[in-house]
Each structure stands twice: as structure tokens, then as C-alpha cells.
Amino acid sequence: MNTGYTIHSIRPRSERVSGMRITEIDVRDKYHAPRYRVGRWLVHAYTGTLQRYLAGRPTMEFEHRRNVARQLSYIPGGMKAWAGYMPGGFATYYVHEPDHRRMVNGKKLDFITRNFFRHSYDSIGVRARLYILSWLVAEWVDEFSGDISWVSIGCGSGQPVYDVVRSLPSFVRAKATMLLVDQDEIVIEFAKKLYDHQRKELPDVTFMTGNIVEPDFMQRVIAGKVSIVDMMGLFEYLKDDDCATVLSYIYSHLEIGGLIIFTNMSDERPHLDVHTRAIGWPGVIMRSVESVAAIIDAANIPAEALSAYTSRDRVYNVYRIMKL
């Protein structure tokens, strides 16, 4: 993922939700540039047509034999090959890095698939949530003076967080250590290979495989005080009670001034039917800001510790918890 993003506006909302500060942010990357304008228009026109088709057939499931939206979505060979990676870190790796020509499985990422990864709402949202993470961390390191113990849970390929860390000043990287965690052993092995190619620009990194919801594993991952924990793309797969349990445990082990940054797909996201019934991405739990605020309350974390960031694309909300 290229962390060369720009922020065009930051607008705090006048109201709060359950005591939570909410900020609207417009963040863009190179695929917003004029040279990509026609490609973006074509992708949005195409996905908009799929959305209207599915909205008019609310009971048609992804697997339905007459689901024309699914059939059209998987005509390109690159999309067919990519579907085998869903859901998980391999699939999102190519959304973060849509200029790749081939996937790990050797299949070609054709022109249509690459443009879908550049310009679809899901792709824009997946990259935007990492840009917001990068922006929040860059602000935080200016104020945090101690050594940095960073845990990335649900890290996938690791490349997005590698890019965020590589963008930090060298003196910050020199005082940091990282732990990357995912339940997919294959994607963790891939993350290790990517790290080996970049280790000169990164802090020391260790890797663990397991399910963070399991208490014994959670205690192994968060065994002592930590400075920052990111969970980008994890909470949409956890039940409310599990979210609250994980947040409560991590918050109790967070250093004063430390951060938890996590995301959840917004219940206001556009092109939901394309996401679920044309592409067929499974199992995502969308949540409103109010629903996340209720989880924070259940985790016994003070509302004043929480800030929410809504991206202009409206696909994901990003949440920051600072230990008070």
C-alpha cells in the first residue's frame, strides 16, 4: 500500500454520540488523480448498475443460479482467481496493492480486475482506513515519548502496517518492536516473507497465529503493557460480546497515553448489495457509531477516551481509544 495520501478536509461534527467525538475526514490517494478519473467513473457506473439490479431483487442470494450480478462480476479471470482468497489477508493485499500484475498463485490480475481494485467503494474504503491509521499514528508519535510496543491483530499480509511504520521517522522505528497476529497460518507465512524483504526499514517483528477471542491466546498476545494495538478489519467478524471482551482486556494492558485503533464497516456504506451479493464477501457485521459506542460502554472504557473518524467514502468508520 502506498501511504502517499492527502487529507483534503477534517471537519469535527458539532454533536457527539454517547459522549464520543466524531470527525469527518476526506482522505485521498493517487487513484483520485485526474488520470484515473475515467476509470473511476466507469467502475462506479458498472457497480451502480449491479447495485440497482440487486436492490430490485432483495431476496436473490449470491449463489442463486440467475444472479446476473454475480455472473458478471466473475467474468474476468483475475476476479475468479482472487475469489479463492476471500475472505482474508491475501484478498485485501491485492486491494491495497492494485497495481500488481500477478497474484501469489501465479494468476494474472487483468486490466478490469486491477481497475476494480483501484476504484470500487470497498477498495477505496479499505485503503482509506489504513491512511487514517497512518495519520493518527503520525500525530500520536509526536506526543508519546517512551519505547513503542506495537501489536497488530488480524494483520493479514502485514504489508499495510509495514507501510505505516516505514513512513515514521527512523528514530521512532528504532525504539519500536512489533507483534503481528492472525489466525491464518498461510497468510502469516506470507507476512514473514514480506518482512524479510523490508526488515532493514522496519523494527524487530515477531509473529503469532491464533484466534484472539480465545482467552488463553489473548493472554499470550497481550502478556504485558503495550503502547499501540491496531485491529483493522477484525471487528466486523466478531460478536458484540467478543468485541467488548477483547477491548476491555487490551485497554487494561495499555500504557497511559497508548492507543487502540480499530475499524468497523459502517451501516451507511454504499453499494452494500454489490459487496454481499455480487462479490459475495461473507460474514461481515456492519455497525453504526451508536452500536460501537454501546460496545465501548460494555467494555467499561470511558466514552471520553474514544474518538470516531468517518471517511468520506462511508465504507468504514475508524475508532481511536487513548488510555487516560
Protein backbone atom coordinates (compact mmCIF):
# COMPACT_ATOMS: atom_id res chain seq x y z
CA MET A 1 0.00 0.00 0.00
CA ASN A 2 1.28 3.43 -0.90
CA THR A 3 0.91 5.69 2.14
CA GLY A 4 1.25 8.74 -0.12
CA TYR A 5 -2.20 10.03 0.71
CA THR A 6 -3.57 13.54 1.11
CA ILE A 7 -6.18 14.85 3.51
CA HIS A 8 -8.49 17.37 1.87
CA SER A 9 -10.65 18.26 4.86
CA ILE A 10 -11.10 17.49 8.54
CA ARG A 11 -14.46 18.52 9.95
CA PRO A 12 -15.43 17.77 13.56
CA ARG A 13 -19.15 17.19 13.98
CA SER A 14 -20.90 19.63 16.26
CA GLU A 15 -22.75 16.83 18.05
CA ARG A 16 -21.40 13.85 19.95
CA VAL A 17 -22.74 10.32 20.02
CA SER A 18 -22.85 8.78 23.50
CA GLY A 19 -20.07 11.18 24.54
CA MET A 20 -17.89 10.17 21.58
CA ARG A 21 -16.10 12.80 19.50
CA ILE A 22 -16.77 12.29 15.78
CA THR A 23 -14.64 13.73 12.98
CA GLU A 24 -15.42 13.57 9.28
CA ILE A 25 -12.31 13.21 7.14
CA ASP A 26 -11.75 13.30 3.39
CA VAL A 27 -8.63 11.28 2.57
CA ARG A 28 -7.48 10.53 -0.98
CA ASP A 29 -4.71 8.59 -2.67
CA LYS A 30 -3.16 8.58 -6.14
CA TYR A 31 -6.20 6.86 -7.66
CA HIS A 32 -8.16 10.10 -7.15
CA ALA A 33 -5.84 11.86 -9.62
CA PRO A 34 -7.24 13.18 -12.94
CA ARG A 35 -5.51 10.43 -14.94
CA TYR A 36 -7.74 7.86 -13.22
CA ARG A 37 -10.99 9.84 -13.50
CA VAL A 38 -12.43 7.96 -16.46
CA GLY A 39 -11.56 4.58 -14.95
CA ARG A 40 -13.24 5.55 -11.66
CA TRP A 41 -16.35 6.77 -13.46
CA LEU A 42 -16.61 3.54 -15.44
CA VAL A 43 -16.20 1.33 -12.36
CA HIS A 44 -18.80 3.31 -10.40
CA ALA A 45 -21.20 3.24 -13.35
CA TYR A 46 -20.75 -0.53 -13.59
CA THR A 47 -21.10 -1.23 -9.86
CA GLY A 48 -24.01 1.22 -9.66
CA THR A 49 -25.81 -0.87 -12.30
CA LEU A 50 -25.15 -4.03 -10.29
CA GLN A 51 -26.42 -2.32 -7.13
CA ARG A 52 -29.67 -1.26 -8.81
CA TYR A 53 -30.17 -4.76 -10.23
CA LEU A 54 -29.74 -6.38 -6.81
CA ALA A 55 -31.74 -3.74 -4.95
CA GLY A 56 -34.67 -4.64 -7.18
CA ARG A 57 -34.26 -8.31 -6.20
CA PRO A 58 -33.84 -8.16 -2.41
CA THR A 59 -34.37 -11.90 -1.88
CA MET A 60 -31.86 -13.05 -4.51
CA GLU A 61 -28.87 -14.65 -2.79
CA PHE A 62 -25.28 -14.61 -4.04
CA GLU A 63 -25.41 -18.30 -5.03
CA HIS A 64 -28.69 -18.02 -6.96
CA ARG A 65 -28.26 -19.51 -10.43
CA ARG A 66 -29.95 -16.48 -12.03
CA ASN A 67 -27.86 -13.90 -10.18
CA VAL A 68 -26.61 -11.93 -13.18
CA ALA A 69 -24.65 -9.56 -10.91
CA ARG A 70 -22.54 -12.45 -9.60
CA GLN A 71 -22.05 -13.86 -13.09
CA LEU A 72 -20.88 -10.51 -14.49
CA SER A 73 -18.59 -9.84 -11.53
CA TYR A 74 -16.64 -13.04 -12.12
CA ILE A 75 -16.21 -12.92 -15.89
CA PRO A 76 -12.63 -11.51 -15.60
CA GLY A 77 -10.08 -14.24 -14.92
CA GLY A 78 -8.40 -12.12 -12.25
CA MET A 79 -11.63 -11.87 -10.27
CA LYS A 80 -12.15 -15.64 -10.47
CA ALA A 81 -8.63 -16.27 -9.17
CA TRP A 82 -8.96 -13.63 -6.45
CA ALA A 83 -12.24 -15.12 -5.19
CA GLY A 84 -10.30 -18.11 -3.87
CA TYR A 85 -8.62 -15.80 -1.34
CA MET A 86 -11.87 -14.47 0.18
CA PRO A 87 -12.17 -13.58 2.96
CA GLY A 88 -8.81 -12.78 4.46
CA GLY A 89 -5.48 -11.05 4.26
CA PHE A 90 -4.50 -12.34 0.82
CA ALA A 91 -7.65 -10.86 -0.72
CA THR A 92 -7.18 -7.44 0.85
CA TYR A 93 -3.46 -7.44 -0.01
CA TYR A 94 -4.29 -7.02 -3.69
CA VAL A 95 -6.84 -4.32 -2.89
CA HIS A 96 -4.16 -2.38 -1.02
CA GLU A 97 -1.70 -3.03 -3.85
CA PRO A 98 -3.87 -2.95 -7.00
CA ASP A 99 -1.00 -2.40 -9.43
CA HIS A 100 0.30 -5.96 -9.06
CA ARG A 101 0.34 -7.92 -12.32
CA ARG A 102 0.11 -11.39 -10.77
CA MET A 103 -1.04 -12.96 -7.53
CA VAL A 104 0.88 -15.40 -5.37
CA ASN A 105 -0.97 -18.25 -7.05
CA GLY A 106 0.51 -17.14 -10.38
CA LYS A 107 -2.81 -15.97 -11.82
CA LYS A 108 -2.77 -12.71 -13.76
CA LEU A 109 -4.51 -9.61 -12.41
CA ASP A 110 -6.08 -8.38 -15.62
CA PHE A 111 -6.87 -4.76 -16.52
CA ILE A 112 -10.51 -4.97 -15.44
CA THR A 113 -9.69 -6.56 -12.07
CA ARG A 114 -6.96 -4.01 -11.32
CA ASN A 115 -9.36 -1.17 -12.07
CA PHE A 116 -12.00 -2.73 -9.84
CA PHE A 117 -9.43 -2.87 -7.03
CA ARG A 118 -8.47 0.75 -7.63
CA HIS A 119 -11.93 2.27 -7.78
CA SER A 120 -14.73 0.19 -6.22
CA TYR A 121 -16.18 1.53 -2.98
CA ASP A 122 -14.85 -1.41 -0.98
CA SER A 123 -11.34 -0.89 -2.33
CA ILE A 124 -11.38 2.85 -1.66
CA GLY A 125 -12.63 2.19 1.88
CA VAL A 126 -10.05 -0.50 2.67
CA ARG A 127 -7.21 1.85 1.73
CA ALA A 128 -8.79 4.89 3.41
CA ARG A 129 -8.98 3.13 6.78
CA LEU A 130 -5.21 2.48 6.62
CA TYR A 131 -4.48 6.06 5.62
CA ILE A 132 -6.43 7.23 8.67
CA LEU A 133 -4.43 4.80 10.82
CA SER A 134 -1.22 6.28 9.39
CA TRP A 135 -2.41 9.83 10.07
CA LEU A 136 -3.45 9.02 13.67
CA VAL A 137 -0.17 7.23 14.43
CA ALA A 138 1.89 10.08 12.96
CA GLU A 139 0.11 12.53 15.28
CA TRP A 140 0.47 10.20 18.27
CA VAL A 141 4.24 9.59 18.00
CA ASP A 142 4.84 13.34 18.35
CA GLU A 143 3.40 13.15 21.87
CA PHE A 144 4.43 9.65 23.01
CA SER A 145 7.97 9.70 24.37
CA GLY A 146 8.59 6.11 25.51
CA ASP A 147 9.55 2.91 23.76
CA ILE A 148 6.81 1.60 21.48
CA SER A 149 5.37 -1.90 21.77
CA TRP A 150 3.02 -2.33 18.78
CA VAL A 151 0.59 -5.24 18.34
CA SER A 152 -1.27 -5.69 15.06
CA ILE A 153 -4.19 -8.13 15.45
CA GLY A 154 -5.79 -9.54 12.32
CA CYS A 155 -2.73 -8.31 10.46
CA GLY A 156 -3.27 -10.25 7.24
CA SER A 157 -0.30 -9.86 4.90
CA GLY A 158 1.22 -7.28 7.24
CA GLN A 159 2.08 -5.02 4.32
CA PRO A 160 -0.34 -2.20 5.19
CA VAL A 161 1.05 -1.84 8.72
CA TYR A 162 4.60 -2.22 7.40
CA ASP A 163 3.94 0.76 5.15
CA VAL A 164 2.53 2.80 8.03
CA VAL A 165 5.58 2.08 10.20
CA ARG A 166 8.04 2.72 7.36
CA SER A 167 6.53 6.21 6.97
CA LEU A 168 7.51 7.10 10.56
CA PRO A 169 10.82 8.83 11.39
CA SER A 170 13.80 6.50 11.78
CA PHE A 171 14.26 7.41 15.47
CA VAL A 172 10.69 6.23 16.15
CA ARG A 173 11.25 2.93 14.34
CA ALA A 174 14.48 2.45 16.33
CA LYS A 175 12.58 2.43 19.64
CA ALA A 176 9.74 0.18 18.45
CA THR A 177 9.03 -3.54 18.49
CA MET A 178 6.11 -5.20 16.73
CA LEU A 179 4.00 -8.31 17.12
CA LEU A 180 1.82 -9.37 14.17
CA VAL A 181 -1.09 -11.72 14.86
CA ASP A 182 -3.51 -13.54 12.56
CA GLN A 183 -5.44 -16.79 12.74
CA ASP A 184 -4.50 -17.73 9.16
CA GLU A 185 -1.17 -19.61 9.23
CA ILE A 186 -0.68 -19.29 5.46
CA VAL A 187 -1.08 -15.53 5.41
CA ILE A 188 1.26 -15.20 8.41
CA GLU A 189 3.92 -17.09 6.44
CA PHE A 190 3.36 -14.64 3.61
CA ALA A 191 3.71 -11.73 6.07
CA LYS A 192 7.05 -13.18 7.21
CA LYS A 193 8.32 -13.30 3.62
CA LEU A 194 7.27 -9.70 3.01
CA TYR A 195 9.01 -8.68 6.23
CA ASP A 196 12.23 -10.40 5.21
CA HIS A 197 12.41 -8.17 2.13
CA GLN A 198 11.88 -5.00 4.18
CA ARG A 199 13.46 -5.71 7.56
CA LYS A 200 16.13 -3.01 7.13
CA GLU A 201 13.39 -0.37 7.15
CA LEU A 202 11.31 -1.91 9.95
CA PRO A 203 11.61 -2.60 13.69
CA ASP A 204 12.05 -6.10 15.05
CA VAL A 205 8.89 -8.08 14.31
CA THR A 206 7.61 -11.35 15.75
CA PHE A 207 4.59 -13.34 14.56
CA MET A 208 1.87 -15.38 16.25
CA THR A 209 -1.00 -17.46 14.90
CA GLY A 210 -4.28 -17.97 16.73
CA ASN A 211 -7.76 -16.70 17.50
CA ILE A 212 -7.69 -13.56 19.66
CA VAL A 213 -11.14 -14.38 21.08
CA GLU A 214 -9.75 -17.44 22.87
CA PRO A 215 -8.77 -16.29 26.39
CA ASP A 216 -5.54 -18.27 26.62
CA PHE A 217 -4.31 -16.96 23.29
CA MET A 218 -5.35 -13.39 24.10
CA GLN A 219 -3.28 -13.55 27.28
CA ARG A 220 -0.27 -14.78 25.30
CA VAL A 221 -0.61 -11.95 22.79
CA ILE A 222 -1.12 -9.20 25.37
CA ALA A 223 1.15 -10.51 28.11
CA GLY A 224 2.34 -7.14 29.42
CA LYS A 225 1.96 -3.44 28.82
CA VAL A 226 1.59 -2.37 25.19
CA SER A 227 1.79 1.06 23.56
CA ILE A 228 -0.41 0.67 20.49
CA VAL A 229 -2.75 -2.02 19.21
CA ASP A 230 -4.31 -1.89 15.74
CA MET A 231 -7.19 -4.11 14.64
CA MET A 232 -8.07 -3.09 11.11
CA GLY A 233 -10.79 -5.28 9.64
CA LEU A 234 -11.27 -7.60 12.62
CA PHE A 235 -14.34 -6.39 14.48
CA GLU A 236 -16.76 -6.94 11.58
CA TYR A 237 -16.26 -10.66 12.20
CA LEU A 238 -16.76 -10.64 15.97
CA LYS A 239 -19.94 -10.68 18.03
CA ASP A 240 -20.64 -7.70 20.27
CA ASP A 241 -19.69 -9.59 23.44
CA ASP A 242 -16.40 -10.73 21.94
CA CYS A 243 -15.60 -7.19 20.80
CA ALA A 244 -16.21 -5.88 24.30
CA THR A 245 -14.12 -8.63 25.92
CA VAL A 246 -11.16 -8.05 23.59
CA LEU A 247 -11.29 -4.26 24.02
CA SER A 248 -11.60 -4.47 27.80
CA TYR A 249 -8.62 -6.81 28.13
CA ILE A 250 -6.39 -4.78 25.80
CA TYR A 251 -7.34 -1.48 27.43
CA SER A 252 -6.38 -2.87 30.83
CA HIS A 253 -2.88 -3.61 29.47
CA LEU A 254 -2.45 -0.36 27.55
CA GLU A 255 0.15 2.13 28.72
CA ILE A 256 -1.06 5.55 29.79
CA GLY A 257 -1.26 7.58 26.60
CA GLY A 258 -1.29 4.42 24.49
CA LEU A 259 -3.68 3.77 21.62
CA ILE A 260 -6.12 1.18 20.38
CA ILE A 261 -7.17 1.81 16.78
CA PHE A 262 -9.79 -0.37 15.15
CA THR A 263 -12.34 -0.23 12.36
CA ASN A 264 -15.83 -1.47 11.69
CA MET A 265 -17.71 -1.39 8.42
CA SER A 266 -20.37 1.32 8.57
CA ASP A 267 -24.05 0.53 8.33
CA GLU A 268 -24.28 3.55 6.00
CA ARG A 269 -21.84 2.16 3.43
CA PRO A 270 -22.77 2.48 -0.27
CA HIS A 271 -23.18 -0.48 -2.64
CA LEU A 272 -23.81 -3.00 0.13
CA ASP A 273 -25.56 -5.40 -2.26
CA VAL A 274 -22.52 -5.41 -4.55
CA HIS A 275 -20.34 -6.30 -1.56
CA THR A 276 -22.53 -9.13 -0.29
CA ARG A 277 -24.45 -10.48 -3.30
CA ALA A 278 -22.37 -9.63 -6.37
CA ILE A 279 -18.88 -10.17 -4.96
CA GLY A 280 -20.10 -12.47 -2.20
CA TRP A 281 -17.81 -11.35 0.63
CA PRO A 282 -19.09 -13.36 3.60
CA GLY A 283 -19.80 -12.77 7.24
CA VAL A 284 -19.37 -9.03 7.77
CA ILE A 285 -21.19 -7.38 10.71
CA MET A 286 -21.80 -3.71 9.95
CA ARG A 287 -22.25 -1.36 12.90
CA SER A 288 -23.36 2.20 13.44
CA VAL A 289 -21.32 4.61 15.55
CA GLU A 290 -24.01 4.23 18.23
CA SER A 291 -23.59 0.44 18.24
CA VAL A 292 -19.83 0.73 18.67
CA ALA A 293 -20.34 3.25 21.48
CA ALA A 294 -22.51 0.65 23.24
CA ILE A 295 -19.70 -1.94 22.89
CA ILE A 296 -17.22 0.53 24.37
CA ASP A 297 -19.57 1.07 27.30
CA ALA A 298 -19.90 -2.69 27.80
CA ALA A 299 -16.09 -2.90 27.86
CA ASN A 300 -16.07 -0.38 30.75
CA ILE A 301 -13.96 2.06 28.73
CA PRO A 302 -14.79 5.72 29.38
CA ALA A 303 -16.55 7.40 26.46
CA GLU A 304 -14.18 10.36 26.66
CA ALA A 305 -11.31 8.03 25.71
CA LEU A 306 -12.95 7.25 22.35
CA SER A 307 -12.89 9.22 19.11
CA ALA A 308 -14.51 8.18 15.83
CA TYR A 309 -13.47 9.10 12.30
CA THR A 310 -15.90 8.79 9.43
CA SER A 311 -14.33 8.63 5.99
CA ARG A 312 -15.84 10.46 3.03
CA ASP A 313 -16.37 7.16 1.21
CA ARG A 314 -18.56 5.99 4.16
CA VAL A 315 -17.40 2.37 3.91
CA TYR A 316 -15.57 2.14 7.26
CA ASN A 317 -15.51 4.09 10.48
CA VAL A 318 -12.20 4.22 12.32
CA TYR A 319 -12.15 4.33 16.14
CA ARG A 320 -9.32 5.52 18.36
CA ILE A 321 -9.14 4.77 22.09
CA MET A 322 -6.48 6.54 24.14
CA LYS A 323 -5.64 5.27 27.62
CA LEU A 324 -6.43 8.05 30.07
